[in-house]
Protein backbone atom coordinates (compact mmCIF):
# COMPACT_ATOMS: atom_id res chain seq x y z
CA MET A 1 -0.01 -0.01 0.00
CA ASP A 2 2.91 2.28 0.78
CA LEU A 3 4.39 1.70 -2.72
CA LEU A 4 1.09 2.62 -4.33
CA GLN A 5 0.68 5.73 -2.21
CA ARG A 6 4.20 6.97 -2.88
CA THR A 7 3.85 6.20 -6.57
CA ALA A 8 0.52 8.09 -6.90
CA ALA A 9 1.98 11.10 -4.99
CA ALA A 10 4.87 11.33 -7.48
CA VAL A 11 2.66 11.61 -10.55
CA PRO A 12 2.60 15.11 -12.00
CA LEU A 13 -0.71 16.99 -11.71
CA VAL A 14 -1.73 14.89 -8.61
CA LEU A 15 -2.48 17.39 -5.87
CA SER A 16 -0.60 16.94 -2.59
CA GLU A 17 -3.57 18.11 -0.51
CA PRO A 18 -5.49 16.06 0.26
CA ALA A 19 -2.71 13.44 -0.11
CA PRO A 20 -3.28 10.38 -2.26
CA ALA A 21 -4.74 7.49 -0.31
CA VAL A 22 -4.72 3.74 -0.79
CA GLY A 23 -7.39 1.44 0.57
CA PHE A 24 -7.77 -2.30 0.66
CA VAL A 25 -11.11 -3.25 -0.94
CA GLY A 26 -11.18 -6.97 -1.10
CA LEU A 27 -9.85 -10.32 -2.25
CA GLY A 28 -10.37 -11.49 -5.81
CA GLY A 29 -10.16 -15.04 -7.09
CA SER A 30 -6.38 -14.67 -7.41
CA SER A 31 -5.72 -11.04 -6.36
CA ILE A 32 -5.66 -8.55 -3.58
CA ASP A 33 -7.63 -5.48 -4.63
CA PHE A 34 -6.85 -1.87 -3.69
CA ASN A 35 -8.28 1.54 -4.59
CA VAL A 36 -5.78 4.36 -5.21
CA LEU A 37 -7.47 7.70 -4.63
CA VAL A 38 -5.96 10.97 -5.83
CA TRP A 39 -7.10 14.56 -6.19
CA SER A 40 -6.50 16.72 -9.25
CA ASN A 41 -7.90 19.74 -10.88
CA SER A 42 -10.96 19.00 -12.93
CA ALA A 43 -9.31 19.82 -16.29
CA ASP A 44 -6.60 17.21 -15.52
CA HIS A 45 -8.89 14.40 -14.31
CA ILE A 46 -8.62 12.07 -17.31
CA ALA A 47 -4.91 12.59 -17.80
CA VAL A 48 -4.20 12.01 -14.11
CA GLN A 49 -6.35 8.81 -14.06
CA GLY A 50 -4.33 7.19 -16.83
CA ALA A 51 -1.02 8.46 -15.47
CA VAL A 52 -1.65 7.10 -11.95
CA ARG A 53 -2.76 3.70 -13.27
CA LEU A 54 0.34 3.45 -15.51
CA ALA A 55 2.73 4.59 -12.77
CA CYS A 56 1.19 2.02 -10.38
CA TYR A 57 1.48 -0.70 -12.91
CA ASN A 58 5.08 0.13 -13.62
CA ALA A 59 5.95 0.40 -9.87
CA LEU A 60 4.44 -2.99 -9.15
CA ASN A 61 6.36 -4.56 -12.04
CA GLU A 62 9.68 -2.94 -10.83
CA ALA A 63 9.03 -4.24 -7.35
CA GLY A 64 8.50 -7.81 -8.72
CA ILE A 65 4.85 -7.91 -7.86
CA GLU A 66 2.93 -9.74 -10.57
CA ILE A 67 -0.55 -8.63 -11.57
CA PRO A 68 -2.87 -11.68 -12.13
CA PHE A 69 -5.17 -11.82 -15.14
CA PRO A 70 -7.78 -14.36 -16.11
CA GLN A 71 -6.79 -16.89 -18.70
CA MET A 72 -8.97 -19.20 -20.79
CA VAL A 73 -7.84 -22.21 -22.72
CA VAL A 74 -9.85 -23.05 -25.76
CA HIS A 75 -9.66 -26.49 -27.31
CA LYS A 76 -10.80 -27.23 -30.83
CA PRO A 77 -13.30 -30.11 -30.77
CA SER A 78 -12.01 -33.37 -32.36
């Protein structure tokens, strides 16, 4: 959670007050789910959303934390 909070705080256009917050929201089938909440000016909202998500994804990768994703195997009928 600290990694996500520090990462979000370092994203340009994210306001420092109120500070970014990270909350645990639940357990998925193969994941631990968090919300990362940040404040920005209204005009920057969409850009900040994408930048925070990308920064968090990159930070988790750099920390060696894998992000699970659903997989489906499809077999061709014989």
